[in-house]
Amino acid sequence: TPRKDRLDVFVTKSELNKDLNLEDLADLGDISQMTPEDFFKSLEQSMREKGDVNAHEKLEKIEEMMEDVVEATLASQTEETAEEVGQEPELLDYVHYVLDFATLSEAVAFSQTIDFPVEASELYKGDSRYHMTILLDVQQQPSYFA
C-alpha cells in the first residue's frame, strides 16, 4: 500500500501466470497520493488490460463467496439474537456483591441499614479502604434482589 512515508506490502497467494512488471507501476500515476483502495483498483484494472482474465474471474468468485459467507453469518447471528430475546433469563440462586467504603464507620452504617436476610458477609481492610462482601440467597426472593 503506498504511503507518503513508507510502502506497506501485502502478500497473497495467486495463480497468476505472469509476473508483475514494476515498470507497469509507472502507468498507474502518482501512487503515493492514492488511497490503498484506489491503488488496488488501478492495479486490478491494469492487470485486466494486460489479459489476466482467468485470475480475475477466480478472484471475483472468491469475493462473491466471501460476501455470501458474511451475509449468512450476519443472518445467523440475527436469528440467534432473536431466539435469545425470546428465552427466559436464567434465574440465579445466589448473588455476590462487593462494596467499597472509605471509612469503617461508613461500612458499619451500611450494614445497619440492611433489612433483608444475608447468607454470608465479610469485611476486609485494604491499604486505605474497606471492602465488604455480601452473599445473598435469592432463590425465594423477588427478581429485583438479583
N, C-alpha and C. Protein backbone atom coordinates (compact mmCIF):
# COMPACT_ATOMS: atom_id res chain seq x y z
N THR A 1 0.86 -1.17 0.00
CA THR A 1 0.00 0.00 0.00
C THR A 1 0.89 1.22 0.00
N PRO A 2 0.76 2.09 -0.95
CA PRO A 2 1.62 3.27 -1.00
C PRO A 2 1.22 4.29 0.06
N ARG A 3 2.20 4.81 0.72
CA ARG A 3 2.03 5.89 1.69
C ARG A 3 3.08 6.96 1.36
N LYS A 4 2.89 8.14 1.91
CA LYS A 4 3.87 9.19 1.63
C LYS A 4 5.22 8.87 2.24
N ASP A 5 5.22 8.21 3.42
CA ASP A 5 6.47 7.98 4.12
C ASP A 5 6.95 6.53 4.09
N ARG A 6 6.14 5.61 3.53
CA ARG A 6 6.55 4.21 3.50
C ARG A 6 5.73 3.45 2.46
N LEU A 7 6.07 2.19 2.30
CA LEU A 7 5.33 1.32 1.39
C LEU A 7 4.96 0.06 2.17
N ASP A 8 3.66 -0.19 2.40
CA ASP A 8 3.19 -1.40 3.06
C ASP A 8 2.98 -2.45 1.99
N VAL A 9 3.44 -3.67 2.26
CA VAL A 9 3.33 -4.74 1.28
C VAL A 9 2.44 -5.84 1.84
N PHE A 10 1.42 -6.22 1.08
CA PHE A 10 0.54 -7.33 1.42
C PHE A 10 0.82 -8.45 0.45
N VAL A 11 1.11 -9.64 0.96
CA VAL A 11 1.44 -10.78 0.11
C VAL A 11 0.26 -11.73 0.11
N THR A 12 -0.17 -12.12 -1.09
CA THR A 12 -1.26 -13.08 -1.22
C THR A 12 -0.83 -14.17 -2.18
N LYS A 13 -1.44 -15.34 -2.03
CA LYS A 13 -1.16 -16.44 -2.94
C LYS A 13 -2.05 -16.28 -4.17
N SER A 14 -1.46 -16.47 -5.33
CA SER A 14 -2.22 -16.29 -6.56
C SER A 14 -1.70 -17.26 -7.61
N GLU A 15 -2.56 -17.57 -8.55
CA GLU A 15 -2.16 -18.43 -9.66
C GLU A 15 -1.96 -17.60 -10.92
N LEU A 16 -1.42 -16.42 -10.76
CA LEU A 16 -1.17 -15.56 -11.92
C LEU A 16 -0.07 -16.19 -12.76
N ASN A 17 -0.27 -16.21 -14.04
CA ASN A 17 0.68 -16.85 -14.94
C ASN A 17 1.78 -15.92 -15.40
N LYS A 18 1.72 -14.68 -15.01
CA LYS A 18 2.77 -13.78 -15.46
C LYS A 18 3.21 -12.90 -14.31
N ASP A 19 4.45 -12.51 -14.36
CA ASP A 19 4.99 -11.66 -13.32
C ASP A 19 4.52 -10.24 -13.53
N LEU A 20 4.40 -9.54 -12.42
CA LEU A 20 4.04 -8.13 -12.49
C LEU A 20 5.31 -7.35 -12.81
N ASN A 21 5.27 -6.63 -13.87
CA ASN A 21 6.41 -5.83 -14.26
C ASN A 21 6.36 -4.52 -13.49
N LEU A 22 7.41 -4.21 -12.76
CA LEU A 22 7.42 -2.99 -11.96
C LEU A 22 7.33 -1.74 -12.83
N GLU A 23 7.66 -1.86 -14.09
CA GLU A 23 7.51 -0.72 -14.99
C GLU A 23 6.04 -0.41 -15.22
N ASP A 24 5.17 -1.43 -15.00
CA ASP A 24 3.73 -1.20 -15.12
C ASP A 24 3.23 -0.23 -14.06
N LEU A 25 3.94 -0.15 -12.94
CA LEU A 25 3.53 0.78 -11.88
C LEU A 25 3.62 2.23 -12.34
N ALA A 26 4.52 2.50 -13.26
CA ALA A 26 4.65 3.86 -13.78
C ALA A 26 3.39 4.28 -14.52
N ASP A 27 2.68 3.31 -15.09
CA ASP A 27 1.44 3.61 -15.81
C ASP A 27 0.30 3.99 -14.86
N LEU A 28 0.46 3.68 -13.58
CA LEU A 28 -0.61 3.94 -12.62
C LEU A 28 -0.67 5.39 -12.16
N GLY A 29 0.33 6.15 -12.43
CA GLY A 29 0.35 7.55 -12.00
C GLY A 29 1.08 7.69 -10.67
N ASP A 30 0.75 8.74 -9.93
CA ASP A 30 1.41 9.02 -8.65
C ASP A 30 0.77 8.16 -7.56
N ILE A 31 1.36 6.99 -7.30
CA ILE A 31 0.76 6.07 -6.35
C ILE A 31 0.90 6.55 -4.90
N SER A 32 1.82 7.47 -4.64
CA SER A 32 1.98 7.96 -3.27
C SER A 32 0.78 8.79 -2.82
N GLN A 33 0.01 9.29 -3.76
CA GLN A 33 -1.17 10.10 -3.43
C GLN A 33 -2.46 9.27 -3.41
N MET A 34 -2.35 7.97 -3.74
CA MET A 34 -3.54 7.12 -3.82
C MET A 34 -3.86 6.51 -2.45
N THR A 35 -5.13 6.28 -2.24
CA THR A 35 -5.53 5.50 -1.07
C THR A 35 -5.27 4.04 -1.41
N PRO A 36 -5.17 3.17 -0.40
CA PRO A 36 -4.95 1.75 -0.70
C PRO A 36 -6.02 1.19 -1.63
N GLU A 37 -7.26 1.59 -1.44
CA GLU A 37 -8.34 1.10 -2.29
C GLU A 37 -8.15 1.55 -3.73
N ASP A 38 -7.78 2.82 -3.93
CA ASP A 38 -7.54 3.32 -5.29
C ASP A 38 -6.37 2.60 -5.94
N PHE A 39 -5.31 2.35 -5.15
CA PHE A 39 -4.14 1.67 -5.67
C PHE A 39 -4.51 0.28 -6.19
N PHE A 40 -5.25 -0.48 -5.36
CA PHE A 40 -5.61 -1.83 -5.77
C PHE A 40 -6.57 -1.82 -6.95
N LYS A 41 -7.48 -0.85 -7.00
CA LYS A 41 -8.38 -0.76 -8.16
C LYS A 41 -7.59 -0.47 -9.43
N SER A 42 -6.63 0.45 -9.34
CA SER A 42 -5.80 0.78 -10.50
C SER A 42 -4.96 -0.42 -10.93
N LEU A 43 -4.40 -1.12 -9.95
CA LEU A 43 -3.60 -2.30 -10.24
C LEU A 43 -4.46 -3.39 -10.88
N GLU A 44 -5.65 -3.58 -10.34
CA GLU A 44 -6.57 -4.57 -10.90
C GLU A 44 -6.95 -4.22 -12.33
N GLN A 45 -7.24 -2.95 -12.58
CA GLN A 45 -7.60 -2.51 -13.92
C GLN A 45 -6.44 -2.72 -14.89
N SER A 46 -5.24 -2.41 -14.43
CA SER A 46 -4.05 -2.59 -15.27
C SER A 46 -3.86 -4.07 -15.61
N MET A 47 -4.06 -4.94 -14.64
CA MET A 47 -3.88 -6.37 -14.89
C MET A 47 -4.97 -6.91 -15.81
N ARG A 48 -6.17 -6.37 -15.69
CA ARG A 48 -7.24 -6.79 -16.60
C ARG A 48 -6.90 -6.40 -18.03
N GLU A 49 -6.36 -5.21 -18.17
CA GLU A 49 -5.99 -4.74 -19.51
C GLU A 49 -4.87 -5.59 -20.09
N LYS A 50 -4.04 -6.18 -19.23
CA LYS A 50 -2.92 -6.99 -19.71
C LYS A 50 -3.39 -8.40 -20.08
N GLY A 51 -4.67 -8.73 -19.84
CA GLY A 51 -5.21 -10.01 -20.29
C GLY A 51 -5.20 -11.12 -19.27
N ASP A 52 -5.15 -10.83 -17.97
CA ASP A 52 -5.14 -11.87 -16.94
C ASP A 52 -6.57 -12.14 -16.47
N VAL A 53 -7.41 -12.57 -17.38
CA VAL A 53 -8.85 -12.72 -17.13
C VAL A 53 -9.13 -13.89 -16.18
N ASN A 54 -8.43 -15.00 -16.34
CA ASN A 54 -8.69 -16.20 -15.53
C ASN A 54 -8.49 -15.91 -14.04
N ALA A 55 -7.41 -15.25 -13.71
CA ALA A 55 -7.14 -14.94 -12.30
C ALA A 55 -8.21 -14.01 -11.75
N HIS A 56 -8.65 -13.06 -12.53
CA HIS A 56 -9.68 -12.12 -12.06
C HIS A 56 -11.02 -12.80 -11.88
N GLU A 57 -11.33 -13.75 -12.74
CA GLU A 57 -12.58 -14.49 -12.56
C GLU A 57 -12.55 -15.27 -11.25
N LYS A 58 -11.39 -15.87 -10.95
CA LYS A 58 -11.26 -16.60 -9.69
C LYS A 58 -11.39 -15.65 -8.50
N LEU A 59 -10.75 -14.49 -8.60
CA LEU A 59 -10.84 -13.51 -7.51
C LEU A 59 -12.27 -13.03 -7.31
N GLU A 60 -12.99 -12.81 -8.39
CA GLU A 60 -14.39 -12.37 -8.28
C GLU A 60 -15.25 -13.45 -7.65
N LYS A 61 -15.01 -14.72 -8.01
CA LYS A 61 -15.77 -15.82 -7.41
C LYS A 61 -15.48 -15.90 -5.91
N ILE A 62 -14.22 -15.76 -5.55
CA ILE A 62 -13.84 -15.80 -4.14
C ILE A 62 -14.49 -14.65 -3.39
N GLU A 63 -14.48 -13.47 -3.99
CA GLU A 63 -15.10 -12.30 -3.36
C GLU A 63 -16.60 -12.52 -3.16
N GLU A 64 -17.27 -13.10 -4.15
CA GLU A 64 -18.70 -13.39 -4.02
C GLU A 64 -18.94 -14.41 -2.91
N MET A 65 -18.08 -15.45 -2.85
CA MET A 65 -18.23 -16.45 -1.80
C MET A 65 -18.03 -15.82 -0.43
N MET A 66 -17.06 -14.94 -0.30
CA MET A 66 -16.80 -14.26 0.98
C MET A 66 -18.00 -13.42 1.38
N GLU A 67 -18.58 -12.70 0.43
CA GLU A 67 -19.75 -11.87 0.73
C GLU A 67 -20.92 -12.74 1.16
N ASP A 68 -21.10 -13.90 0.50
CA ASP A 68 -22.18 -14.82 0.88
C ASP A 68 -21.98 -15.34 2.29
N VAL A 69 -20.73 -15.67 2.63
CA VAL A 69 -20.43 -16.17 3.97
C VAL A 69 -20.71 -15.09 5.02
N VAL A 70 -20.30 -13.86 4.74
CA VAL A 70 -20.55 -12.76 5.67
C VAL A 70 -22.04 -12.54 5.85
N GLU A 71 -22.79 -12.54 4.76
CA GLU A 71 -24.24 -12.35 4.85
C GLU A 71 -24.89 -13.48 5.63
N ALA A 72 -24.46 -14.71 5.39
CA ALA A 72 -25.02 -15.86 6.11
C ALA A 72 -24.69 -15.79 7.60
N THR A 73 -23.47 -15.37 7.91
CA THR A 73 -23.07 -15.24 9.31
C THR A 73 -23.89 -14.17 10.01
N LEU A 74 -24.06 -13.03 9.36
CA LEU A 74 -24.87 -11.96 9.95
C LEU A 74 -26.31 -12.40 10.15
N ALA A 75 -26.86 -13.10 9.17
CA ALA A 75 -28.24 -13.59 9.29
C ALA A 75 -28.35 -14.58 10.44
N SER A 76 -27.37 -15.45 10.57
CA SER A 76 -27.37 -16.44 11.65
C SER A 76 -27.29 -15.76 13.01
N GLN A 77 -26.42 -14.74 13.13
CA GLN A 77 -26.29 -14.00 14.38
C GLN A 77 -27.59 -13.28 14.71
N THR A 78 -28.25 -12.74 13.71
CA THR A 78 -29.53 -12.05 13.93
C THR A 78 -30.57 -13.03 14.43
N GLU A 79 -30.62 -14.23 13.84
CA GLU A 79 -31.57 -15.26 14.29
C GLU A 79 -31.28 -15.69 15.71
N GLU A 80 -29.98 -15.89 16.04
CA GLU A 80 -29.62 -16.30 17.40
C GLU A 80 -30.00 -15.23 18.40
N THR A 81 -29.79 -13.97 18.05
CA THR A 81 -30.15 -12.87 18.94
C THR A 81 -31.66 -12.84 19.15
N ALA A 82 -32.42 -13.05 18.09
CA ALA A 82 -33.88 -13.06 18.20
C ALA A 82 -34.33 -14.22 19.09
N GLU A 83 -33.68 -15.37 18.97
CA GLU A 83 -34.04 -16.51 19.81
C GLU A 83 -33.70 -16.23 21.26
N GLU A 84 -32.54 -15.59 21.52
CA GLU A 84 -32.12 -15.28 22.88
C GLU A 84 -33.08 -14.30 23.53
N VAL A 85 -33.61 -13.36 22.77
CA VAL A 85 -34.54 -12.38 23.31
C VAL A 85 -35.80 -13.08 23.81
N GLY A 86 -36.24 -14.11 23.09
CA GLY A 86 -37.46 -14.82 23.45
C GLY A 86 -37.28 -15.77 24.63
N GLN A 87 -36.05 -16.10 25.00
CA GLN A 87 -35.81 -17.04 26.08
C GLN A 87 -35.96 -16.37 27.43
N GLU A 88 -36.34 -17.16 28.42
CA GLU A 88 -36.41 -16.67 29.79
C GLU A 88 -35.00 -16.52 30.33
N PRO A 89 -34.73 -15.47 31.09
CA PRO A 89 -33.40 -15.33 31.67
C PRO A 89 -33.17 -16.42 32.73
N GLU A 90 -31.93 -16.86 32.85
CA GLU A 90 -31.59 -17.89 33.81
C GLU A 90 -31.67 -17.30 35.22
N LEU A 91 -32.41 -17.96 36.08
CA LEU A 91 -32.56 -17.48 37.44
C LEU A 91 -31.36 -17.92 38.27
N LEU A 92 -30.88 -17.02 39.10
CA LEU A 92 -29.72 -17.29 39.94
C LEU A 92 -30.17 -17.74 41.32
N ASP A 93 -29.35 -18.58 41.95
CA ASP A 93 -29.64 -19.00 43.32
C ASP A 93 -29.02 -18.03 44.32
N TYR A 94 -27.83 -17.53 43.99
CA TYR A 94 -27.11 -16.64 44.89
C TYR A 94 -26.58 -15.44 44.09
N VAL A 95 -26.45 -14.32 44.78
CA VAL A 95 -25.85 -13.13 44.19
C VAL A 95 -24.76 -12.66 45.14
N HIS A 96 -23.60 -12.33 44.58
CA HIS A 96 -22.45 -11.91 45.37
C HIS A 96 -22.16 -10.44 45.08
N TYR A 97 -22.10 -9.63 46.11
CA TYR A 97 -21.79 -8.21 45.96
C TYR A 97 -20.48 -7.90 46.67
N VAL A 98 -19.71 -6.98 46.12
CA VAL A 98 -18.52 -6.45 46.77
C VAL A 98 -18.70 -4.94 46.84
N LEU A 99 -18.69 -4.42 48.05
CA LEU A 99 -18.91 -2.99 48.28
C LEU A 99 -17.63 -2.36 48.78
N ASP A 100 -17.43 -1.11 48.46
CA ASP A 100 -16.20 -0.39 48.80
C ASP A 100 -16.56 0.82 49.66
N PHE A 101 -15.87 0.98 50.79
CA PHE A 101 -16.13 2.09 51.71
C PHE A 101 -14.83 2.80 52.05
N ALA A 102 -14.92 4.11 52.23
CA ALA A 102 -13.74 4.90 52.57
C ALA A 102 -13.37 4.75 54.04
N THR A 103 -14.37 4.62 54.91
CA THR A 103 -14.10 4.53 56.35
C THR A 103 -14.85 3.35 56.94
N LEU A 104 -14.40 2.93 58.12
CA LEU A 104 -15.07 1.85 58.83
C LEU A 104 -16.47 2.26 59.25
N SER A 105 -16.65 3.52 59.63
CA SER A 105 -17.97 3.98 60.05
C SER A 105 -18.98 3.92 58.90
N GLU A 106 -18.55 4.16 57.66
CA GLU A 106 -19.45 4.02 56.50
C GLU A 106 -19.88 2.56 56.33
N ALA A 107 -18.95 1.63 56.50
CA ALA A 107 -19.27 0.21 56.37
C ALA A 107 -20.25 -0.23 57.45
N VAL A 108 -20.04 0.23 58.68
CA VAL A 108 -20.94 -0.11 59.78
C VAL A 108 -22.32 0.49 59.54
N ALA A 109 -22.37 1.75 59.11
CA ALA A 109 -23.65 2.41 58.84
C ALA A 109 -24.41 1.66 57.76
N PHE A 110 -23.72 1.22 56.71
CA PHE A 110 -24.40 0.47 55.65
C PHE A 110 -24.95 -0.85 56.19
N SER A 111 -24.13 -1.56 56.97
CA SER A 111 -24.57 -2.86 57.48
C SER A 111 -25.79 -2.73 58.39
N GLN A 112 -25.95 -1.61 59.05
CA GLN A 112 -27.10 -1.40 59.93
C GLN A 112 -28.37 -1.07 59.14
N THR A 113 -28.23 -0.66 57.88
CA THR A 113 -29.41 -0.32 57.08
C THR A 113 -29.98 -1.51 56.33
N ILE A 114 -29.24 -2.61 56.24
CA ILE A 114 -29.71 -3.79 55.51
C ILE A 114 -30.87 -4.43 56.26
N ASP A 115 -32.00 -4.61 55.57
CA ASP A 115 -33.18 -5.19 56.21
C ASP A 115 -33.66 -6.46 55.51
N PHE A 116 -32.74 -7.19 54.91
CA PHE A 116 -33.08 -8.45 54.26
C PHE A 116 -32.05 -9.50 54.66
N PRO A 117 -32.41 -10.78 54.56
CA PRO A 117 -31.50 -11.84 55.01
C PRO A 117 -30.24 -11.93 54.14
N VAL A 118 -29.11 -12.05 54.81
CA VAL A 118 -27.81 -12.17 54.15
C VAL A 118 -27.27 -13.56 54.44
N GLU A 119 -26.87 -14.28 53.39
CA GLU A 119 -26.34 -15.64 53.55
C GLU A 119 -24.97 -15.61 54.22
N ALA A 120 -24.09 -14.69 53.77
CA ALA A 120 -22.75 -14.55 54.34
C ALA A 120 -22.25 -13.14 54.06
N SER A 121 -21.36 -12.66 54.94
CA SER A 121 -20.80 -11.33 54.76
C SER A 121 -19.43 -11.28 55.41
N GLU A 122 -18.50 -10.57 54.78
CA GLU A 122 -17.15 -10.40 55.34
C GLU A 122 -16.70 -8.98 55.08
N LEU A 123 -15.86 -8.47 55.98
CA LEU A 123 -15.32 -7.12 55.85
C LEU A 123 -13.80 -7.22 55.82
N TYR A 124 -13.19 -6.58 54.82
CA TYR A 124 -11.74 -6.59 54.66
C TYR A 124 -11.23 -5.16 54.68
N LYS A 125 -10.00 -4.98 55.22
CA LYS A 125 -9.37 -3.67 55.16
C LYS A 125 -8.26 -3.73 54.13
N GLY A 126 -8.33 -2.83 53.16
CA GLY A 126 -7.28 -2.73 52.16
C GLY A 126 -6.26 -1.70 52.63
N ASP A 127 -5.46 -1.17 51.72
CA ASP A 127 -4.46 -0.17 52.08
C ASP A 127 -5.10 1.07 52.68
N SER A 128 -6.13 1.58 52.03
CA SER A 128 -6.75 2.82 52.52
C SER A 128 -8.27 2.75 52.52
N ARG A 129 -8.84 1.58 52.17
CA ARG A 129 -10.29 1.46 52.07
C ARG A 129 -10.76 0.15 52.69
N TYR A 130 -12.05 0.06 52.90
CA TYR A 130 -12.68 -1.14 53.45
C TYR A 130 -13.54 -1.77 52.36
N HIS A 131 -13.51 -3.09 52.30
CA HIS A 131 -14.26 -3.83 51.29
C HIS A 131 -15.16 -4.84 52.00
N MET A 132 -16.45 -4.79 51.67
CA MET A 132 -17.41 -5.71 52.26
C MET A 132 -17.96 -6.61 51.17
N THR A 133 -17.93 -7.92 51.43
CA THR A 133 -18.54 -8.88 50.51
C THR A 133 -19.84 -9.37 51.13
N ILE A 134 -20.86 -9.49 50.31
CA ILE A 134 -22.17 -9.94 50.77
C ILE A 134 -22.67 -11.01 49.81
N LEU A 135 -23.11 -12.13 50.36
CA LEU A 135 -23.69 -13.21 49.58
C LEU A 135 -25.17 -13.31 49.94
N LEU A 136 -26.03 -13.15 48.93
CA LEU A 136 -27.47 -13.21 49.15
C LEU A 136 -28.05 -14.48 48.54
N ASP A 137 -28.91 -15.16 49.28
CA ASP A 137 -29.67 -16.30 48.76
C ASP A 137 -30.95 -15.73 48.16
N VAL A 138 -31.06 -15.77 46.83
CA VAL A 138 -32.20 -15.15 46.16
C VAL A 138 -33.18 -16.18 45.59
N GLN A 139 -33.08 -17.42 46.04
CA GLN A 139 -33.94 -18.47 45.50
C GLN A 139 -35.42 -18.20 45.77
N GLN A 140 -35.73 -17.69 46.93
CA GLN A 140 -37.12 -17.46 47.32
C GLN A 140 -37.45 -15.97 47.36
N GLN A 141 -36.66 -15.15 46.66
CA GLN A 141 -36.83 -13.70 46.71
C GLN A 141 -37.38 -13.18 45.38
N PRO A 142 -37.96 -11.99 45.38
CA PRO A 142 -38.41 -11.37 44.12
C PRO A 142 -37.22 -11.11 43.19
N SER A 143 -37.49 -10.94 41.90
CA SER A 143 -36.43 -10.81 40.90
C SER A 143 -35.57 -9.57 41.10
N TYR A 144 -36.07 -8.53 41.76
CA TYR A 144 -35.26 -7.32 41.93
C TYR A 144 -34.10 -7.53 42.90
N PHE A 145 -34.06 -8.64 43.65
CA PHE A 145 -32.93 -8.92 44.53
C PHE A 145 -31.68 -9.24 43.72
N ALA A 146 -31.84 -9.79 42.54
CA ALA A 146 -30.70 -10.13 41.71
C ALA A 146 -30.41 -8.96 40.82
